[in-house]
């Protein structure tokens, strides 16, 4: 009875639970008897190792137990970090010869301790050699029952990168490896810095601007029935300095300055002031001289050449302020303004 109870307790310790038992205490049904912790550790990240028949018990535990699933996810994340870190390590040229020399030295030592990376084949072989007194020692040249396919424990060795072998044991040139995460990060940072420098250069370097002929400016004005349709205009956005000419212009103003977008880029290219004086009514346009392809030669209102499209108008330049003035009348005569706008005041 006592023996049956002990067998039942032993079986209960071997079965995985969904409550997350101690990973070191559970064993699967494989003849090699690795623990669930060993099974999880042998699974390579981003592979289909969970389909291997040797790890089906661990696969079930991952599905059924949140604790096992957490252990598995942490192990996979750690293995990825190790793999990425190894990609950045340069392999010495004489590493293969040193490893072969070390293995040769270890094979000559008496009863060397088994390495966890040697695989179960070597462990079973050494055990058979120790027990070979009654049935004869196992010859190193003879095949042994340990010639098994790749199993769970031997997968531990597959996590390390084997040295490629050429003919007669000579090392061959290793293949090109994919760029590491660190390399990608550096590339992204460098590209971002280049875009930032390019953006700043675009902001601060001078750009080509669209220029207009005075006739184009006149034809762009929203004149209807001999008058300017001011309802289609918005308040001037102050995109450039638009001073009034010297003289009584500020006394004649009827409203705040409006703005005119000539090139359609969303900013104003001209400021428009509405004015009136003794039966004379009109509009004074102020434009940057850099936006006019054919600025007028005259520098005073009284001496400017008169044009009649789309209404009676005159244009002159103010070199000091670097602007061009265009005065259009929809009521009255230019002579009325000329009497008070002397050359000294203009």
Protein backbone atom coordinates (compact mmCIF):
# COMPACT_ATOMS: atom_id res chain seq x y z
CA UNK A 1 0.00 0.00 0.00
CA UNK A 2 2.83 2.32 0.95
CA UNK A 3 4.57 1.51 -2.33
CA UNK A 4 1.44 2.36 -4.33
CA UNK A 5 1.17 5.74 -2.57
CA UNK A 6 4.81 6.52 -3.36
CA UNK A 7 4.25 5.60 -7.03
CA UNK A 8 1.22 7.91 -7.15
CA UNK A 9 3.21 10.76 -5.60
CA UNK A 10 6.05 10.21 -8.06
CA UNK A 11 3.59 10.37 -11.03
CA UNK A 12 1.97 13.55 -9.67
CA UNK A 13 5.38 15.22 -9.48
CA UNK A 14 6.04 14.31 -13.13
CA UNK A 15 2.81 15.82 -14.46
CA UNK A 16 2.74 19.57 -15.44
CA UNK A 17 0.03 21.70 -13.95
CA UNK A 18 -1.54 24.92 -15.12
CA UNK A 19 -0.72 26.67 -11.86
CA UNK A 20 2.96 27.04 -12.73
CA UNK A 21 4.90 24.54 -10.59
CA UNK A 22 8.61 24.67 -10.01
CA UNK A 23 10.17 24.24 -13.47
CA UNK A 24 13.11 22.25 -12.08
CA UNK A 25 10.89 19.52 -10.58
CA UNK A 26 8.96 18.39 -13.68
CA UNK A 27 10.19 15.70 -16.10
CA UNK A 28 8.70 14.68 -19.43
CA UNK A 29 8.08 11.19 -20.83
CA UNK A 30 11.14 11.25 -23.10
CA UNK A 31 13.60 8.38 -22.54
CA UNK A 32 16.26 11.08 -22.03
CA UNK A 33 14.14 12.51 -19.19
CA UNK A 34 15.01 16.29 -19.48
CA UNK A 35 13.15 18.71 -17.22
CA UNK A 36 10.68 21.20 -18.60
CA UNK A 37 13.17 23.95 -17.87
CA UNK A 38 15.73 22.15 -20.07
CA UNK A 39 13.16 21.73 -22.82
CA UNK A 40 12.32 25.43 -22.78
CA UNK A 41 15.98 26.40 -22.74
CA UNK A 42 16.66 24.19 -25.79
CA UNK A 43 14.03 25.90 -27.95
CA UNK A 44 15.57 28.35 -30.38
CA UNK A 45 13.82 31.71 -30.80
CA UNK A 46 11.62 32.31 -33.86
CA UNK A 47 11.62 28.63 -34.94
CA UNK A 48 9.10 25.77 -35.00
CA UNK A 49 10.86 23.81 -32.23
CA UNK A 50 7.56 23.58 -30.34
CA UNK A 51 6.46 20.97 -32.91
CA UNK A 52 9.33 18.64 -32.01
CA UNK A 53 7.98 15.39 -30.49
CA UNK A 54 10.58 15.59 -27.71
CA UNK A 55 9.12 18.83 -26.33
CA UNK A 56 5.38 18.16 -26.57
CA UNK A 57 5.05 18.16 -22.80
CA UNK A 58 6.64 21.62 -22.62
CA UNK A 59 4.41 22.79 -25.48
CA UNK A 60 1.32 21.69 -23.55
CA UNK A 61 2.56 23.40 -20.40
CA UNK A 62 3.06 26.68 -22.31
CA UNK A 63 -0.51 26.54 -23.60
CA UNK A 64 -2.12 25.52 -20.30
CA UNK A 65 -0.08 27.50 -17.76
CA UNK A 66 0.39 31.26 -17.65
CA UNK A 67 3.51 30.83 -15.49
CA UNK A 68 5.09 28.42 -18.00
CA UNK A 69 4.17 30.80 -20.81
CA UNK A 70 5.86 33.66 -18.96
CA UNK A 71 9.00 31.56 -18.40
CA UNK A 72 9.04 30.60 -22.10
CA UNK A 73 8.64 34.23 -23.27
CA UNK A 74 11.44 35.46 -21.00
CA UNK A 75 13.75 32.68 -22.22
CA UNK A 76 13.00 33.47 -25.87
CA UNK A 77 13.63 37.20 -25.30
CA UNK A 78 16.94 36.43 -23.59
CA UNK A 79 18.05 34.12 -26.43
CA UNK A 80 17.26 36.83 -28.99
CA UNK A 81 19.36 39.35 -27.09
CA UNK A 82 22.26 36.89 -26.92
CA UNK A 83 21.96 36.10 -30.63
CA UNK A 84 21.92 39.80 -31.57
CA UNK A 85 24.91 40.49 -29.33
CA UNK A 86 26.92 37.66 -30.89
CA UNK A 87 26.39 39.15 -34.35
CA UNK A 88 28.52 42.15 -33.30
CA UNK A 89 31.47 40.03 -32.12
CA UNK A 90 34.35 39.48 -34.56
CA UNK A 91 35.52 35.87 -34.66
CA UNK A 92 39.35 35.60 -34.34
CA UNK A 93 41.11 34.02 -37.28
CA UNK A 94 42.77 31.32 -35.17
CA UNK A 95 39.67 30.42 -33.16
CA UNK A 96 39.11 27.12 -34.98
CA UNK A 97 42.66 25.89 -34.34
CA UNK A 98 42.41 26.86 -30.68
CA UNK A 99 39.12 25.04 -30.25
CA UNK A 100 40.43 21.91 -31.95
CA UNK A 101 43.54 22.00 -29.76
CA UNK A 102 41.41 22.39 -26.65
CA UNK A 103 39.15 19.49 -27.67
CA UNK A 104 42.20 17.31 -28.37
CA UNK A 105 43.63 18.13 -24.94
CA UNK A 106 40.31 17.40 -23.23
CA UNK A 107 39.97 14.03 -24.97
CA UNK A 108 43.34 12.91 -23.51
CA UNK A 109 42.35 13.75 -19.92
CA UNK A 110 41.14 10.84 -17.77
CA UNK A 111 37.43 10.79 -16.93
CA UNK A 112 36.71 14.39 -17.98
CA UNK A 113 33.51 15.82 -16.53
CA UNK A 114 30.62 15.70 -19.03
CA UNK A 115 29.81 18.99 -20.65
CA UNK A 116 26.14 19.99 -20.89
CA UNK A 117 26.74 20.78 -24.56
CA UNK A 118 28.20 17.41 -25.50
CA UNK A 119 24.81 15.81 -26.08
CA UNK A 120 23.44 12.58 -24.67
CA UNK A 121 25.37 10.46 -27.15
CA UNK A 122 28.69 11.18 -25.44
CA UNK A 123 27.18 10.72 -21.97
CA UNK A 124 25.78 7.30 -22.84
CA UNK A 125 29.04 6.29 -24.51
CA UNK A 126 31.08 7.10 -21.43
CA UNK A 127 28.60 5.23 -19.23
CA UNK A 128 28.87 2.18 -21.49
CA UNK A 129 32.67 2.32 -21.32
CA UNK A 130 32.59 2.34 -17.51
CA UNK A 131 30.17 -0.62 -17.39
CA UNK A 132 31.99 -2.63 -20.07
CA UNK A 133 33.94 -4.85 -17.69
CA UNK A 134 31.35 -7.71 -17.79
CA UNK A 135 30.27 -7.39 -21.38
CA UNK A 136 33.50 -6.00 -22.86
CA UNK A 137 34.43 -2.32 -23.30
CA UNK A 138 32.85 -0.33 -26.05
CA UNK A 139 35.36 0.42 -28.77
CA UNK A 140 35.70 4.05 -29.78
CA UNK A 141 35.65 2.99 -33.42
CA UNK A 142 32.47 0.92 -33.14
CA UNK A 143 29.00 2.42 -33.46
CA UNK A 144 27.15 2.61 -30.18
CA UNK A 145 23.45 2.75 -29.30
CA UNK A 146 23.94 6.45 -28.73
CA UNK A 147 23.88 7.30 -32.44
CA UNK A 148 20.54 9.07 -32.08
CA UNK A 149 18.91 11.78 -34.23
CA UNK A 150 19.08 15.38 -33.10
CA UNK A 151 17.21 15.47 -29.78
CA UNK A 152 16.28 18.06 -27.27
CA UNK A 153 19.59 18.16 -25.39
CA UNK A 154 21.66 18.18 -28.57
CA UNK A 155 19.73 21.28 -29.67
CA UNK A 156 21.69 23.16 -27.06
CA UNK A 157 24.74 22.75 -29.24
CA UNK A 158 22.82 24.04 -32.27
CA UNK A 159 22.45 27.40 -30.53
CA UNK A 160 26.13 28.08 -31.08
CA UNK A 161 27.39 28.95 -34.54
CA UNK A 162 29.56 26.10 -35.92
CA UNK A 163 32.79 26.98 -37.70
CA UNK A 164 32.48 26.30 -41.44
CA UNK A 165 34.87 23.60 -42.74
CA UNK A 166 36.47 23.46 -46.14
CA UNK A 167 38.44 20.65 -47.69
CA UNK A 168 41.04 19.00 -45.43
CA UNK A 169 39.71 20.82 -42.39
CA UNK A 170 40.70 24.28 -43.55
CA UNK A 171 38.54 27.18 -42.52
CA UNK A 172 36.47 28.81 -45.23
CA UNK A 173 35.40 32.40 -45.49
CA UNK A 174 32.30 32.89 -43.31
CA UNK A 175 29.15 34.08 -45.07
CA UNK A 176 28.00 37.62 -44.76
CA UNK A 177 25.74 38.12 -41.77
CA UNK A 178 22.73 40.38 -41.62
CA UNK A 179 23.25 43.84 -40.12
CA UNK A 180 22.85 43.85 -36.35
CA UNK A 181 20.22 45.81 -34.49
CA UNK A 182 22.91 48.26 -33.42
CA UNK A 183 23.88 48.83 -37.05
CA UNK A 184 20.27 49.48 -38.02
CA UNK A 185 19.90 51.92 -35.11
CA UNK A 186 23.01 53.83 -36.17
CA UNK A 187 21.77 53.95 -39.78
CA UNK A 188 18.37 55.31 -38.72
CA UNK A 189 19.97 57.96 -36.49
CA UNK A 190 22.33 59.03 -39.30
CA UNK A 191 19.45 59.25 -41.80
CA UNK A 192 17.35 61.27 -39.35
CA UNK A 193 20.26 63.67 -38.80
CA UNK A 194 20.65 64.12 -42.55
CA UNK A 195 16.95 64.91 -42.98
CA UNK A 196 17.13 67.39 -40.09
CA UNK A 197 20.13 69.18 -41.59
CA UNK A 198 18.43 69.26 -44.99
CA UNK A 199 15.25 70.68 -43.45
CA UNK A 200 17.13 73.40 -41.60
CA UNK A 201 19.06 74.27 -44.72
CA UNK A 202 15.82 74.59 -46.68
CA UNK A 203 14.43 76.94 -44.03
CA UNK A 204 17.44 79.22 -43.74
CA UNK A 205 18.90 79.25 -47.26
CA UNK A 206 17.44 81.71 -49.75
CA UNK A 207 14.83 80.30 -52.15
CA UNK A 208 13.75 81.36 -55.59
CA UNK A 209 10.63 83.58 -55.46
CA UNK A 210 7.96 84.19 -58.05
CA UNK A 211 8.05 87.64 -59.60
CA UNK A 212 5.25 89.50 -61.33
CA UNK A 213 5.07 92.22 -63.94
CA UNK A 214 3.11 95.32 -62.97
CA UNK A 215 0.54 94.56 -65.64
CA UNK A 216 -0.01 91.11 -64.08
CA UNK A 217 -0.59 92.77 -60.71
CA UNK A 218 -3.12 95.18 -62.19
CA UNK A 219 -5.02 92.37 -63.92
CA UNK A 220 -5.05 90.27 -60.74
CA UNK A 221 -7.02 92.90 -58.82
CA UNK A 222 -10.69 92.00 -58.25
CA UNK A 223 -12.13 95.02 -60.05
CA UNK A 224 -15.82 94.81 -60.96
CA UNK A 225 -17.94 97.57 -62.50
CA UNK A 226 -15.13 100.07 -62.12
CA UNK A 227 -14.57 99.38 -58.41
CA UNK A 228 -12.51 96.99 -56.26
CA UNK A 229 -14.47 94.14 -54.67
CA UNK A 230 -13.02 94.41 -51.16
CA UNK A 231 -15.28 91.62 -49.84
CA UNK A 232 -13.02 89.06 -51.54
CA UNK A 233 -9.99 90.31 -49.62
CA UNK A 234 -8.79 89.39 -46.12
CA UNK A 235 -6.82 91.35 -43.56
CA UNK A 236 -3.14 91.73 -44.42
CA UNK A 237 -1.10 88.94 -42.78
CA UNK A 238 2.05 91.08 -42.29
CA UNK A 239 4.21 88.71 -44.33
CA UNK A 240 6.43 91.67 -45.29
CA UNK A 241 6.98 95.27 -44.20
CA UNK A 242 4.43 97.48 -46.02
CA UNK A 243 4.98 101.13 -44.96
CA UNK A 244 2.87 104.02 -46.25
CA UNK A 245 4.52 106.73 -48.37
CA UNK A 246 5.50 109.92 -46.61
CA UNK A 247 2.84 112.61 -46.59
CA UNK A 248 -0.83 112.69 -45.60
CA UNK A 249 -1.62 109.11 -46.66
CA UNK A 250 -2.17 107.94 -43.11
CA UNK A 251 -4.86 110.65 -42.70
CA UNK A 252 -6.73 109.44 -45.78
CA UNK A 253 -7.01 105.77 -44.76
CA UNK A 254 -10.55 104.34 -44.55
CA UNK A 255 -9.81 100.90 -43.07
CA UNK A 256 -7.10 98.47 -42.01
CA UNK A 257 -4.83 97.05 -44.71
CA UNK A 258 -6.10 94.10 -46.72
CA UNK A 259 -3.92 91.44 -48.33
CA UNK A 260 -3.69 89.99 -51.84
CA UNK A 261 -2.24 86.53 -52.59
CA UNK A 262 -0.88 86.67 -56.11
CA UNK A 263 0.87 83.30 -56.41
CA UNK A 264 -1.64 81.22 -54.44
CA UNK A 265 0.79 79.95 -51.81
CA UNK A 266 -1.34 81.10 -48.88
CA UNK A 267 0.65 84.24 -47.95
CA UNK A 268 0.00 87.80 -49.06
CA UNK A 269 2.16 89.34 -51.76
CA UNK A 270 0.62 92.81 -51.62
CA UNK A 271 -0.92 95.07 -48.98
CA UNK A 272 -3.92 97.17 -50.04
CA UNK A 273 -4.89 100.43 -48.27
CA UNK A 274 -8.28 102.04 -49.01
CA UNK A 275 -8.16 105.85 -48.97
CA UNK A 276 -10.35 108.86 -49.71
CA UNK A 277 -9.66 112.61 -50.05
CA UNK A 278 -11.99 115.41 -51.22
CA UNK A 279 -14.17 113.31 -53.52
CA UNK A 280 -11.27 111.15 -54.57
CA UNK A 281 -11.45 107.46 -53.63
CA UNK A 282 -9.07 104.66 -54.44
CA UNK A 283 -6.62 102.00 -53.27
CA UNK A 284 -2.90 102.09 -52.60
CA UNK A 285 -1.01 98.83 -53.16
CA UNK A 286 2.34 98.20 -51.49
CA UNK A 287 4.49 95.39 -52.95
CA UNK A 288 8.08 94.21 -52.20
CA UNK A 289 10.33 95.41 -55.00
CA UNK A 290 11.88 91.90 -55.08
CA UNK A 291 8.54 90.53 -56.31
CA UNK A 292 8.22 92.93 -59.27
CA UNK A 293 10.07 91.95 -62.43
CA UNK A 294 9.72 95.40 -64.04
CA UNK A 295 9.76 97.97 -61.21
CA UNK A 296 9.05 101.56 -62.31
CA UNK A 297 11.88 104.01 -62.76
CA UNK A 298 10.03 106.98 -61.23
CA UNK A 299 10.43 107.64 -57.52
CA UNK A 300 7.63 110.18 -56.96
CA UNK A 301 3.85 110.13 -57.31
CA UNK A 302 3.76 113.35 -59.31
CA UNK A 303 6.18 112.17 -61.99
CA UNK A 304 4.92 108.57 -62.39
CA UNK A 305 3.54 107.38 -65.73
CA UNK A 306 -0.24 107.12 -65.83
CA UNK A 307 -2.00 103.87 -66.84
CA UNK A 308 -5.73 103.22 -67.26
CA UNK A 309 -6.06 99.47 -66.79
CA UNK A 310 -8.12 98.34 -64.90
CA UNK A 311 -8.62 101.90 -63.63
CA UNK A 312 -6.66 105.14 -63.59
CA UNK A 313 -3.41 104.37 -61.78
CA UNK A 314 0.22 105.38 -61.30
CA UNK A 315 3.20 103.37 -59.97
CA UNK A 316 6.47 104.51 -58.41
CA UNK A 317 9.30 103.01 -56.37
CA UNK A 318 10.61 103.86 -52.91
CA UNK A 319 14.26 102.64 -52.99
CA UNK A 320 14.83 103.27 -49.29
CA UNK A 321 11.88 101.14 -48.19
CA UNK A 322 12.46 98.64 -51.03
CA UNK A 323 8.79 98.68 -52.04
CA UNK A 324 6.73 99.57 -55.09
CA UNK A 325 3.57 101.70 -54.74
CA UNK A 326 0.61 101.34 -57.08
CA UNK A 327 -2.18 103.90 -56.67
CA UNK A 328 -5.56 103.17 -58.36
CA UNK A 329 -8.56 105.52 -58.43
CA UNK A 330 -12.18 104.45 -58.86
CA UNK A 331 -13.50 107.99 -58.17
CA UNK A 332 -11.96 111.42 -58.72
CA UNK A 333 -8.91 112.72 -60.49
CA UNK A 334 -5.16 112.23 -59.93
CA UNK A 335 -4.64 115.98 -60.08
CA UNK A 336 -6.53 116.32 -56.80
CA UNK A 337 -3.88 114.22 -55.10
CA UNK A 338 -0.98 115.80 -57.00
CA UNK A 339 -1.72 119.19 -55.51
CA UNK A 340 -0.93 117.96 -52.02
CA UNK A 341 1.65 115.28 -52.86
CA UNK A 342 4.61 117.43 -53.77
CA UNK A 343 7.91 115.75 -54.80
CA UNK A 344 9.36 116.56 -51.40
CA UNK A 345 6.51 114.77 -49.66
CA UNK A 346 6.43 111.85 -52.05
